[in-house]
Amino acid sequence: MNAQPLPIYPPLVPAQADPETLCRSGRRVIAIEARALELLAERINGGFHEACQLILSGRGRVVVTGMGKSGHVARKIAATLASTGTPGFFVHPGEASHGDLGMITGADIVVAISYSGETDELLTIMPPLKRQGSKLIAMTGNPNSSLAQLANVHLDIGVPEEACPLGLAPTASTTAALVMGDRKSVV
């Protein structure tokens, strides 16, 4: 099997761009992410209250999980929870399928982050978690997703656009997930 090399994309800003072009690009990214956070603030509602109540009344720990960039955000949220006195930790969903699921008990609350809400690695571990009684808080950009439908509580972290000029790299969406997680961590 011959592996095809990955395509190399040209930089989005030329290596020798003038200072104003670079500053304009930086301001654009900040404006897109700031707008995403303004819209996120408007969606702080009953679901947010329910998620906070689940965490505050929980008997176990808060287990945060996510794949890819959402996994990086999940690790940071778990660290913030621990820093603010809420017992919490990160579990990689792929590793959970290979034995680490045993670290999660029925008394734990699981916060699962997936922008699409269709991440296979997360969806695979949800049925056994639900069977054992773990409560699930899903953070997705799609309230109609499979993960959102499985959750006890869904938090909408959808954004109108990513700051990446190609619309591919998760930028505003990871910022929204991080801020929503921080907001739950410091209640």
N, C-alpha and C. Protein backbone atom coordinates (compact mmCIF):
# COMPACT_ATOMS: atom_id res chain seq x y z
N MET A 1 0.85 -1.17 0.00
CA MET A 1 0.00 0.00 0.00
C MET A 1 0.89 1.23 0.00
N ASN A 2 0.75 2.07 -0.99
CA ASN A 2 1.55 3.29 -1.08
C ASN A 2 0.78 4.45 -0.46
N ALA A 3 1.38 5.03 0.55
CA ALA A 3 0.74 6.17 1.20
C ALA A 3 0.98 7.42 0.37
N GLN A 4 -0.09 8.17 0.17
CA GLN A 4 0.03 9.44 -0.56
C GLN A 4 0.49 10.52 0.41
N PRO A 5 1.41 11.37 -0.02
CA PRO A 5 1.84 12.45 0.88
C PRO A 5 0.69 13.41 1.14
N LEU A 6 0.70 13.97 2.33
CA LEU A 6 -0.32 14.97 2.67
C LEU A 6 -0.09 16.23 1.84
N PRO A 7 -1.17 16.86 1.42
CA PRO A 7 -0.99 18.10 0.65
C PRO A 7 -0.41 19.19 1.55
N ILE A 8 0.43 20.00 0.96
CA ILE A 8 1.02 21.13 1.69
C ILE A 8 0.31 22.39 1.21
N TYR A 9 -0.33 23.05 2.14
CA TYR A 9 -1.07 24.25 1.81
C TYR A 9 -0.16 25.46 1.92
N PRO A 10 -0.33 26.43 1.03
CA PRO A 10 0.48 27.65 1.17
C PRO A 10 0.05 28.40 2.41
N PRO A 11 0.97 29.15 3.01
CA PRO A 11 0.59 29.93 4.20
C PRO A 11 -0.54 30.90 3.83
N LEU A 12 -1.39 31.15 4.80
CA LEU A 12 -2.53 32.03 4.56
C LEU A 12 -2.11 33.49 4.44
N VAL A 13 -1.02 33.83 5.09
CA VAL A 13 -0.46 35.18 4.98
C VAL A 13 0.96 35.01 4.45
N PRO A 14 1.36 35.74 3.42
CA PRO A 14 2.71 35.59 2.88
C PRO A 14 3.78 35.83 3.95
N ALA A 15 4.91 35.13 3.80
CA ALA A 15 5.99 35.23 4.79
C ALA A 15 6.50 36.66 4.92
N GLN A 16 6.41 37.43 3.90
CA GLN A 16 6.91 38.81 3.93
C GLN A 16 5.76 39.82 3.93
N ALA A 17 4.69 39.53 4.63
CA ALA A 17 3.54 40.43 4.66
C ALA A 17 3.89 41.72 5.39
N ASP A 18 3.28 42.78 4.97
CA ASP A 18 3.52 44.07 5.63
C ASP A 18 2.84 44.08 6.99
N PRO A 19 3.31 44.92 7.91
CA PRO A 19 2.77 44.93 9.27
C PRO A 19 1.25 45.15 9.32
N GLU A 20 0.72 46.02 8.48
CA GLU A 20 -0.73 46.28 8.53
C GLU A 20 -1.54 45.06 8.11
N THR A 21 -1.05 44.30 7.13
CA THR A 21 -1.74 43.08 6.73
C THR A 21 -1.79 42.08 7.88
N LEU A 22 -0.66 41.94 8.58
CA LEU A 22 -0.62 41.02 9.72
C LEU A 22 -1.54 41.50 10.84
N CYS A 23 -1.52 42.79 11.14
CA CYS A 23 -2.38 43.33 12.20
C CYS A 23 -3.85 43.19 11.83
N ARG A 24 -4.19 43.44 10.57
CA ARG A 24 -5.57 43.30 10.11
C ARG A 24 -6.03 41.85 10.26
N SER A 25 -5.15 40.92 9.92
CA SER A 25 -5.48 39.50 10.07
C SER A 25 -5.70 39.16 11.55
N GLY A 26 -4.84 39.66 12.42
CA GLY A 26 -4.99 39.42 13.85
C GLY A 26 -6.29 40.00 14.40
N ARG A 27 -6.65 41.21 13.99
CA ARG A 27 -7.89 41.83 14.44
C ARG A 27 -9.11 41.05 13.94
N ARG A 28 -9.02 40.50 12.72
CA ARG A 28 -10.11 39.71 12.15
C ARG A 28 -10.37 38.47 13.00
N VAL A 29 -9.31 37.77 13.37
CA VAL A 29 -9.45 36.57 14.19
C VAL A 29 -10.10 36.92 15.53
N ILE A 30 -9.62 37.97 16.16
CA ILE A 30 -10.18 38.36 17.47
C ILE A 30 -11.65 38.75 17.32
N ALA A 31 -11.99 39.48 16.27
CA ALA A 31 -13.38 39.89 16.06
C ALA A 31 -14.30 38.69 15.86
N ILE A 32 -13.86 37.71 15.09
CA ILE A 32 -14.68 36.51 14.85
C ILE A 32 -14.88 35.74 16.16
N GLU A 33 -13.81 35.58 16.92
CA GLU A 33 -13.92 34.83 18.17
C GLU A 33 -14.72 35.60 19.21
N ALA A 34 -14.57 36.93 19.25
CA ALA A 34 -15.35 37.75 20.19
C ALA A 34 -16.84 37.65 19.86
N ARG A 35 -17.19 37.69 18.58
CA ARG A 35 -18.58 37.55 18.17
C ARG A 35 -19.13 36.19 18.57
N ALA A 36 -18.34 35.15 18.40
CA ALA A 36 -18.77 33.81 18.80
C ALA A 36 -19.06 33.77 20.30
N LEU A 37 -18.25 34.45 21.09
CA LEU A 37 -18.47 34.46 22.54
C LEU A 37 -19.69 35.29 22.92
N GLU A 38 -19.95 36.37 22.20
CA GLU A 38 -21.17 37.16 22.44
C GLU A 38 -22.40 36.30 22.21
N LEU A 39 -22.39 35.54 21.13
CA LEU A 39 -23.53 34.67 20.82
C LEU A 39 -23.64 33.55 21.85
N LEU A 40 -22.50 33.04 22.34
CA LEU A 40 -22.50 32.01 23.36
C LEU A 40 -23.15 32.54 24.64
N ALA A 41 -22.80 33.75 25.02
CA ALA A 41 -23.36 34.35 26.23
C ALA A 41 -24.88 34.44 26.15
N GLU A 42 -25.41 34.68 24.97
CA GLU A 42 -26.86 34.76 24.78
C GLU A 42 -27.53 33.41 24.97
N ARG A 43 -26.76 32.32 24.86
CA ARG A 43 -27.32 30.97 25.01
C ARG A 43 -27.12 30.41 26.42
N ILE A 44 -26.69 31.21 27.36
CA ILE A 44 -26.62 30.75 28.75
C ILE A 44 -28.06 30.74 29.25
N ASN A 45 -28.60 29.53 29.46
CA ASN A 45 -30.02 29.39 29.76
C ASN A 45 -30.24 28.25 30.75
N GLY A 46 -31.40 27.66 30.69
CA GLY A 46 -31.75 26.58 31.60
C GLY A 46 -30.82 25.38 31.51
N GLY A 47 -30.35 25.08 30.31
CA GLY A 47 -29.41 23.97 30.16
C GLY A 47 -28.12 24.22 30.92
N PHE A 48 -27.67 25.45 30.90
CA PHE A 48 -26.46 25.80 31.66
C PHE A 48 -26.72 25.63 33.15
N HIS A 49 -27.88 26.08 33.61
CA HIS A 49 -28.26 25.93 35.01
C HIS A 49 -28.29 24.45 35.40
N GLU A 50 -28.90 23.64 34.54
CA GLU A 50 -28.99 22.20 34.81
C GLU A 50 -27.60 21.57 34.89
N ALA A 51 -26.70 21.95 33.98
CA ALA A 51 -25.34 21.40 33.99
C ALA A 51 -24.62 21.77 35.28
N CYS A 52 -24.75 23.03 35.68
CA CYS A 52 -24.11 23.47 36.93
C CYS A 52 -24.68 22.73 38.13
N GLN A 53 -26.01 22.56 38.16
CA GLN A 53 -26.65 21.84 39.26
C GLN A 53 -26.18 20.38 39.33
N LEU A 54 -26.04 19.75 38.15
CA LEU A 54 -25.53 18.37 38.13
C LEU A 54 -24.16 18.30 38.77
N ILE A 55 -23.30 19.22 38.38
CA ILE A 55 -21.93 19.22 38.90
C ILE A 55 -21.92 19.53 40.39
N LEU A 56 -22.68 20.55 40.80
CA LEU A 56 -22.69 20.95 42.21
C LEU A 56 -23.28 19.89 43.12
N SER A 57 -24.24 19.13 42.63
CA SER A 57 -24.88 18.11 43.47
C SER A 57 -24.28 16.72 43.27
N GLY A 58 -23.28 16.61 42.41
CA GLY A 58 -22.70 15.31 42.10
C GLY A 58 -22.03 14.65 43.30
N ARG A 59 -22.12 13.33 43.35
CA ARG A 59 -21.48 12.55 44.41
C ARG A 59 -20.10 12.06 43.98
N GLY A 60 -19.84 12.07 42.68
CA GLY A 60 -18.57 11.57 42.18
C GLY A 60 -17.71 12.68 41.64
N ARG A 61 -16.95 12.32 40.63
CA ARG A 61 -16.03 13.28 40.00
C ARG A 61 -16.61 13.75 38.68
N VAL A 62 -15.98 14.77 38.12
CA VAL A 62 -16.36 15.24 36.79
C VAL A 62 -15.30 14.73 35.82
N VAL A 63 -15.72 13.91 34.90
CA VAL A 63 -14.82 13.32 33.91
C VAL A 63 -15.06 14.05 32.59
N VAL A 64 -14.00 14.63 32.03
CA VAL A 64 -14.14 15.41 30.81
C VAL A 64 -13.45 14.64 29.68
N THR A 65 -14.12 14.57 28.53
CA THR A 65 -13.59 13.80 27.42
C THR A 65 -13.87 14.49 26.09
N GLY A 66 -13.03 14.22 25.15
CA GLY A 66 -13.17 14.77 23.80
C GLY A 66 -12.05 14.23 22.94
N MET A 67 -12.24 14.30 21.65
CA MET A 67 -11.28 13.76 20.68
C MET A 67 -10.69 14.91 19.87
N GLY A 68 -9.42 14.81 19.52
CA GLY A 68 -8.78 15.83 18.68
C GLY A 68 -8.66 17.15 19.43
N LYS A 69 -9.00 18.25 18.74
CA LYS A 69 -8.92 19.57 19.37
C LYS A 69 -9.86 19.66 20.56
N SER A 70 -11.03 19.03 20.46
CA SER A 70 -11.95 19.01 21.60
C SER A 70 -11.32 18.29 22.79
N GLY A 71 -10.47 17.32 22.52
CA GLY A 71 -9.75 16.64 23.59
C GLY A 71 -8.77 17.56 24.29
N HIS A 72 -8.10 18.41 23.52
CA HIS A 72 -7.18 19.39 24.13
C HIS A 72 -7.96 20.34 25.04
N VAL A 73 -9.11 20.79 24.56
CA VAL A 73 -9.96 21.67 25.37
C VAL A 73 -10.44 20.92 26.61
N ALA A 74 -10.83 19.66 26.45
CA ALA A 74 -11.31 18.86 27.57
C ALA A 74 -10.24 18.72 28.65
N ARG A 75 -9.00 18.52 28.24
CA ARG A 75 -7.90 18.42 29.21
C ARG A 75 -7.79 19.69 30.03
N LYS A 76 -7.90 20.83 29.36
CA LYS A 76 -7.78 22.12 30.05
C LYS A 76 -8.94 22.32 31.00
N ILE A 77 -10.15 21.96 30.58
CA ILE A 77 -11.31 22.11 31.46
C ILE A 77 -11.16 21.22 32.69
N ALA A 78 -10.71 19.98 32.50
CA ALA A 78 -10.49 19.08 33.64
C ALA A 78 -9.47 19.67 34.61
N ALA A 79 -8.42 20.27 34.08
CA ALA A 79 -7.40 20.89 34.94
C ALA A 79 -7.98 22.07 35.70
N THR A 80 -8.82 22.86 35.04
CA THR A 80 -9.45 24.00 35.71
C THR A 80 -10.40 23.53 36.80
N LEU A 81 -11.18 22.49 36.53
CA LEU A 81 -12.07 21.94 37.56
C LEU A 81 -11.26 21.54 38.79
N ALA A 82 -10.17 20.82 38.57
CA ALA A 82 -9.33 20.39 39.68
C ALA A 82 -8.74 21.59 40.44
N SER A 83 -8.35 22.62 39.70
CA SER A 83 -7.77 23.82 40.33
C SER A 83 -8.78 24.58 41.18
N THR A 84 -10.05 24.46 40.83
CA THR A 84 -11.08 25.21 41.56
C THR A 84 -11.79 24.34 42.60
N GLY A 85 -11.25 23.15 42.86
CA GLY A 85 -11.77 22.33 43.95
C GLY A 85 -12.80 21.28 43.57
N THR A 86 -13.08 21.13 42.29
CA THR A 86 -14.00 20.08 41.85
C THR A 86 -13.18 18.89 41.38
N PRO A 87 -13.30 17.74 42.04
CA PRO A 87 -12.53 16.58 41.59
C PRO A 87 -12.88 16.24 40.14
N GLY A 88 -11.91 16.34 39.28
CA GLY A 88 -12.16 16.06 37.88
C GLY A 88 -10.90 15.60 37.18
N PHE A 89 -11.09 14.89 36.09
CA PHE A 89 -9.95 14.44 35.30
C PHE A 89 -10.38 14.20 33.86
N PHE A 90 -9.41 14.08 32.99
CA PHE A 90 -9.62 13.84 31.57
C PHE A 90 -9.48 12.36 31.27
N VAL A 91 -10.36 11.85 30.41
CA VAL A 91 -10.21 10.49 29.88
C VAL A 91 -10.28 10.59 28.36
N HIS A 92 -9.28 10.03 27.70
CA HIS A 92 -9.26 9.99 26.25
C HIS A 92 -10.29 8.97 25.79
N PRO A 93 -11.22 9.35 24.90
CA PRO A 93 -12.28 8.41 24.51
C PRO A 93 -11.78 7.16 23.81
N GLY A 94 -10.70 7.26 23.06
CA GLY A 94 -10.14 6.07 22.42
C GLY A 94 -9.58 5.10 23.45
N GLU A 95 -8.89 5.64 24.45
CA GLU A 95 -8.35 4.80 25.52
C GLU A 95 -9.47 4.23 26.38
N ALA A 96 -10.56 4.98 26.52
CA ALA A 96 -11.70 4.49 27.30
C ALA A 96 -12.25 3.20 26.71
N SER A 97 -12.26 3.12 25.38
CA SER A 97 -12.76 1.91 24.71
C SER A 97 -11.84 0.72 24.91
N HIS A 98 -10.62 0.99 25.35
CA HIS A 98 -9.64 -0.08 25.52
C HIS A 98 -9.26 -0.28 26.98
N GLY A 99 -10.20 -0.03 27.88
CA GLY A 99 -9.98 -0.34 29.28
C GLY A 99 -10.10 0.82 30.25
N ASP A 100 -9.85 2.03 29.79
CA ASP A 100 -9.90 3.16 30.72
C ASP A 100 -11.32 3.54 31.14
N LEU A 101 -12.32 2.95 30.52
CA LEU A 101 -13.69 3.21 30.91
C LEU A 101 -13.91 2.78 32.37
N GLY A 102 -13.10 1.85 32.83
CA GLY A 102 -13.20 1.38 34.21
C GLY A 102 -12.86 2.44 35.24
N MET A 103 -12.26 3.55 34.83
CA MET A 103 -11.96 4.65 35.76
C MET A 103 -13.19 5.47 36.08
N ILE A 104 -14.25 5.30 35.30
CA ILE A 104 -15.46 6.12 35.45
C ILE A 104 -16.52 5.30 36.16
N THR A 105 -17.11 5.89 37.21
CA THR A 105 -18.13 5.18 37.98
C THR A 105 -19.51 5.76 37.68
N GLY A 106 -20.52 5.08 38.14
CA GLY A 106 -21.89 5.54 37.98
C GLY A 106 -22.19 6.83 38.73
N ALA A 107 -21.36 7.16 39.72
CA ALA A 107 -21.54 8.39 40.49
C ALA A 107 -20.91 9.60 39.79
N ASP A 108 -20.13 9.34 38.74
CA ASP A 108 -19.41 10.42 38.05
C ASP A 108 -20.31 11.12 37.03
N ILE A 109 -19.97 12.36 36.77
CA ILE A 109 -20.61 13.15 35.72
C ILE A 109 -19.63 13.25 34.58
N VAL A 110 -20.06 12.93 33.39
CA VAL A 110 -19.19 12.96 32.22
C VAL A 110 -19.56 14.18 31.37
N VAL A 111 -18.55 14.99 31.06
CA VAL A 111 -18.71 16.12 30.15
C VAL A 111 -18.03 15.71 28.85
N ALA A 112 -18.82 15.53 27.81
CA ALA A 112 -18.30 15.08 26.51
C ALA A 112 -18.36 16.25 25.53
N ILE A 113 -17.21 16.54 24.90
CA ILE A 113 -17.12 17.67 23.98
C ILE A 113 -16.87 17.16 22.57
N SER A 114 -17.75 17.56 21.65
CA SER A 114 -17.62 17.21 20.24
C SER A 114 -18.38 18.25 19.45
N TYR A 115 -17.69 19.02 18.63
CA TYR A 115 -18.40 20.08 17.92
C TYR A 115 -19.51 19.51 17.04
N SER A 116 -19.21 18.44 16.32
CA SER A 116 -20.23 17.83 15.45
C SER A 116 -21.28 17.07 16.25
N GLY A 117 -20.87 16.56 17.40
CA GLY A 117 -21.75 15.69 18.18
C GLY A 117 -21.87 14.30 17.60
N GLU A 118 -20.99 13.99 16.65
CA GLU A 118 -21.04 12.69 15.97
C GLU A 118 -19.71 11.95 16.03
N THR A 119 -18.85 12.30 16.96
CA THR A 119 -17.53 11.68 17.07
C THR A 119 -17.67 10.22 17.49
N ASP A 120 -17.23 9.32 16.62
CA ASP A 120 -17.39 7.88 16.86
C ASP A 120 -16.82 7.44 18.20
N GLU A 121 -15.62 7.90 18.53
CA GLU A 121 -14.98 7.46 19.77
C GLU A 121 -15.81 7.82 21.00
N LEU A 122 -16.49 8.95 20.96
CA LEU A 122 -17.35 9.34 22.08
C LEU A 122 -18.65 8.54 22.07
N LEU A 123 -19.25 8.41 20.90
CA LEU A 123 -20.53 7.70 20.82
C LEU A 123 -20.38 6.23 21.23
N THR A 124 -19.22 5.66 21.00
CA THR A 124 -18.97 4.26 21.37
C THR A 124 -19.01 4.05 22.88
N ILE A 125 -18.53 5.03 23.64
CA ILE A 125 -18.45 4.84 25.10
C ILE A 125 -19.70 5.32 25.84
N MET A 126 -20.61 5.98 25.17
CA MET A 126 -21.80 6.50 25.85
C MET A 126 -22.74 5.40 26.37
N PRO A 127 -23.07 4.36 25.59
CA PRO A 127 -24.00 3.35 26.11
C PRO A 127 -23.56 2.71 27.43
N PRO A 128 -22.30 2.27 27.56
CA PRO A 128 -21.94 1.68 28.87
C PRO A 128 -21.94 2.71 30.00
N LEU A 129 -21.61 3.96 29.70
CA LEU A 129 -21.65 4.99 30.74
C LEU A 129 -23.08 5.23 31.19
N LYS A 130 -24.00 5.29 30.24
CA LYS A 130 -25.41 5.50 30.58
C LYS A 130 -25.95 4.30 31.37
N ARG A 131 -25.56 3.06 30.98
CA ARG A 131 -26.04 1.86 31.68
C ARG A 131 -25.61 1.85 33.14
N GLN A 132 -24.41 2.36 33.41
CA GLN A 132 -23.93 2.34 34.80
C GLN A 132 -24.46 3.52 35.61
N GLY A 133 -25.16 4.44 34.96
CA GLY A 133 -25.79 5.53 35.70
C GLY A 133 -25.05 6.85 35.68
N SER A 134 -23.95 6.94 34.93
CA SER A 134 -23.23 8.21 34.84
C SER A 134 -24.13 9.24 34.15
N LYS A 135 -24.13 10.45 34.68
CA LYS A 135 -24.87 11.54 34.04
C LYS A 135 -23.98 12.14 32.97
N LEU A 136 -24.59 12.59 31.87
CA LEU A 136 -23.83 13.11 30.73
C LEU A 136 -24.23 14.54 30.42
N ILE A 137 -23.21 15.40 30.35
CA ILE A 137 -23.35 16.76 29.85
C ILE A 137 -22.62 16.79 28.51
N ALA A 138 -23.36 17.08 27.45
CA ALA A 138 -22.74 17.15 26.12
C ALA A 138 -22.57 18.61 25.72
N MET A 139 -21.41 18.93 25.19
CA MET A 139 -21.15 20.25 24.64
C MET A 139 -20.90 20.05 23.15
N THR A 140 -21.87 20.48 22.33
CA THR A 140 -21.75 20.32 20.88
C THR A 140 -22.21 21.59 20.17
N GLY A 141 -21.89 21.65 18.91
CA GLY A 141 -22.37 22.73 18.08
C GLY A 141 -23.65 22.36 17.35
N ASN A 142 -24.18 21.17 17.65
CA ASN A 142 -25.37 20.67 16.97
C ASN A 142 -26.34 20.06 17.98
N PRO A 143 -27.36 20.82 18.38
CA PRO A 143 -28.32 20.32 19.36
C PRO A 143 -29.09 19.07 18.91
N ASN A 144 -29.09 18.78 17.62
CA ASN A 144 -29.78 17.60 17.11
C ASN A 144 -28.85 16.41 16.89
N SER A 145 -27.62 16.53 17.32
CA SER A 145 -26.63 15.47 17.10
C SER A 145 -26.92 14.25 17.97
N SER A 146 -26.28 13.16 17.63
CA SER A 146 -26.42 11.92 18.40
C SER A 146 -25.97 12.12 19.84
N LEU A 147 -24.84 12.79 20.04
CA LEU A 147 -24.32 13.01 21.39
C LEU A 147 -25.27 13.88 22.20
N ALA A 148 -25.80 14.93 21.59
CA ALA A 148 -26.74 15.81 22.29
C ALA A 148 -27.99 15.04 22.71
N GLN A 149 -28.45 14.14 21.86
CA GLN A 149 -29.66 13.37 22.15
C GLN A 149 -29.44 12.36 23.28
N LEU A 150 -28.21 11.88 23.44
CA LEU A 150 -27.89 10.93 24.51
C LEU A 150 -27.71 11.61 25.86
N ALA A 151 -27.48 12.90 25.86
CA ALA A 151 -27.10 13.63 27.07
C ALA A 151 -28.28 13.89 28.00
N ASN A 152 -27.95 13.98 29.28
CA ASN A 152 -28.92 14.47 30.26
C ASN A 152 -29.11 15.97 30.09
N VAL A 153 -28.00 16.64 29.74
CA VAL A 153 -28.02 18.08 29.51
C VAL A 153 -27.16 18.38 28.29
N HIS A 154 -27.66 19.26 27.41
CA HIS A 154 -26.87 19.68 26.25
C HIS A 154 -26.56 21.16 26.36
N LEU A 155 -25.30 21.51 26.08
CA LEU A 155 -24.88 22.90 26.01
C LEU A 155 -24.46 23.20 24.58
N ASP A 156 -25.12 24.16 23.97
CA ASP A 156 -24.87 24.52 22.58
C ASP A 156 -23.66 25.45 22.51
N ILE A 157 -22.59 24.98 21.86
CA ILE A 157 -21.37 25.78 21.69
C ILE A 157 -21.16 26.13 20.22
N GLY A 158 -22.25 26.14 19.46
CA GLY A 158 -22.17 26.43 18.03
C GLY A 158 -21.68 27.85 17.77
N VAL A 159 -20.95 28.00 16.68
CA VAL A 159 -20.44 29.31 16.26
C VAL A 159 -20.83 29.54 14.80
N PRO A 160 -21.00 30.82 14.41
CA PRO A 160 -21.39 31.08 13.03
C PRO A 160 -20.28 30.83 12.02
N GLU A 161 -19.02 31.00 12.46
CA GLU A 161 -17.90 30.76 11.55
C GLU A 161 -16.62 30.55 12.35
N GLU A 162 -15.66 29.90 11.71
CA GLU A 162 -14.33 29.74 12.28
C GLU A 162 -13.48 30.91 11.81
N ALA A 163 -12.45 31.23 12.59
CA ALA A 163 -11.56 32.33 12.23
C ALA A 163 -10.58 31.94 11.13
N CYS A 164 -10.40 30.65 10.92
CA CYS A 164 -9.52 30.16 9.86
C CYS A 164 -10.08 30.62 8.51
N PRO A 165 -9.29 31.28 7.68
CA PRO A 165 -9.80 31.75 6.39
C PRO A 165 -10.38 30.63 5.52
N LEU A 166 -9.92 29.42 5.70
CA LEU A 166 -10.46 28.30 4.94
C LEU A 166 -11.69 27.69 5.61
N GLY A 167 -11.99 28.13 6.83
CA GLY A 167 -13.13 27.60 7.57
C GLY A 167 -12.93 26.17 8.04
N LEU A 168 -11.68 25.71 8.10
CA LEU A 168 -11.40 24.32 8.43
C LEU A 168 -10.88 24.13 9.86
N ALA A 169 -9.91 24.94 10.24
CA ALA A 169 -9.29 24.77 11.55
C ALA A 169 -10.25 25.22 12.65
N PRO A 170 -10.45 24.39 13.67
CA PRO A 170 -11.32 24.80 14.76
C PRO A 170 -10.65 25.94 15.54
N THR A 171 -11.26 27.09 15.49
CA THR A 171 -10.71 28.27 16.16
C THR A 171 -11.79 28.86 17.07
N ALA A 172 -12.79 29.49 16.50
CA ALA A 172 -13.87 30.06 17.30
C ALA A 172 -14.62 28.96 18.06
N SER A 173 -14.75 27.79 17.46
CA SER A 173 -15.48 26.70 18.13
C SER A 173 -14.73 26.17 19.35
N THR A 174 -13.40 26.08 19.26
CA THR A 174 -12.66 25.62 20.44
C THR A 174 -12.64 26.71 21.51
N THR A 175 -12.62 27.97 21.09
CA THR A 175 -12.70 29.06 22.06
C THR A 175 -14.04 29.00 22.79
N ALA A 176 -15.12 28.79 22.05
CA ALA A 176 -16.45 28.70 22.68
C ALA A 176 -16.52 27.53 23.66
N ALA A 177 -15.98 26.38 23.28
CA ALA A 177 -15.98 25.21 24.17
C ALA A 177 -15.17 25.49 25.43
N LEU A 178 -14.02 26.12 25.26
CA LEU A 178 -13.17 26.43 26.40
C LEU A 178 -13.86 27.39 27.36
N VAL A 179 -14.47 28.43 26.82
CA VAL A 179 -15.14 29.41 27.67
C VAL A 179 -16.35 28.79 28.38
N MET A 180 -17.11 27.96 27.68
CA MET A 180 -18.25 27.30 28.32
C MET A 180 -17.75 26.41 29.45
N GLY A 181 -16.66 25.70 29.21
CA GLY A 181 -16.10 24.84 30.26
C GLY A 181 -15.58 25.65 31.42
N ASP A 182 -14.93 26.77 31.15
CA ASP A 182 -14.44 27.64 32.22
C ASP A 182 -15.61 28.17 33.03
N ARG A 183 -16.68 28.52 32.35
CA ARG A 183 -17.84 29.08 33.02
C ARG A 183 -18.42 28.09 33.99
N LYS A 184 -18.47 26.82 33.62
CA LYS A 184 -18.98 25.77 34.52
C LYS A 184 -18.01 25.51 35.65
N SER A 185 -16.72 25.73 35.42
CA SER A 185 -15.70 25.41 36.40
C SER A 185 -15.66 26.38 37.57
N VAL A 186 -16.13 27.58 37.35
CA VAL A 186 -15.97 28.60 38.40
C VAL A 186 -17.29 29.04 39.03
N VAL A 187 -18.34 28.21 38.86
CA VAL A 187 -19.63 28.56 39.50
C VAL A 187 -19.57 28.27 40.98
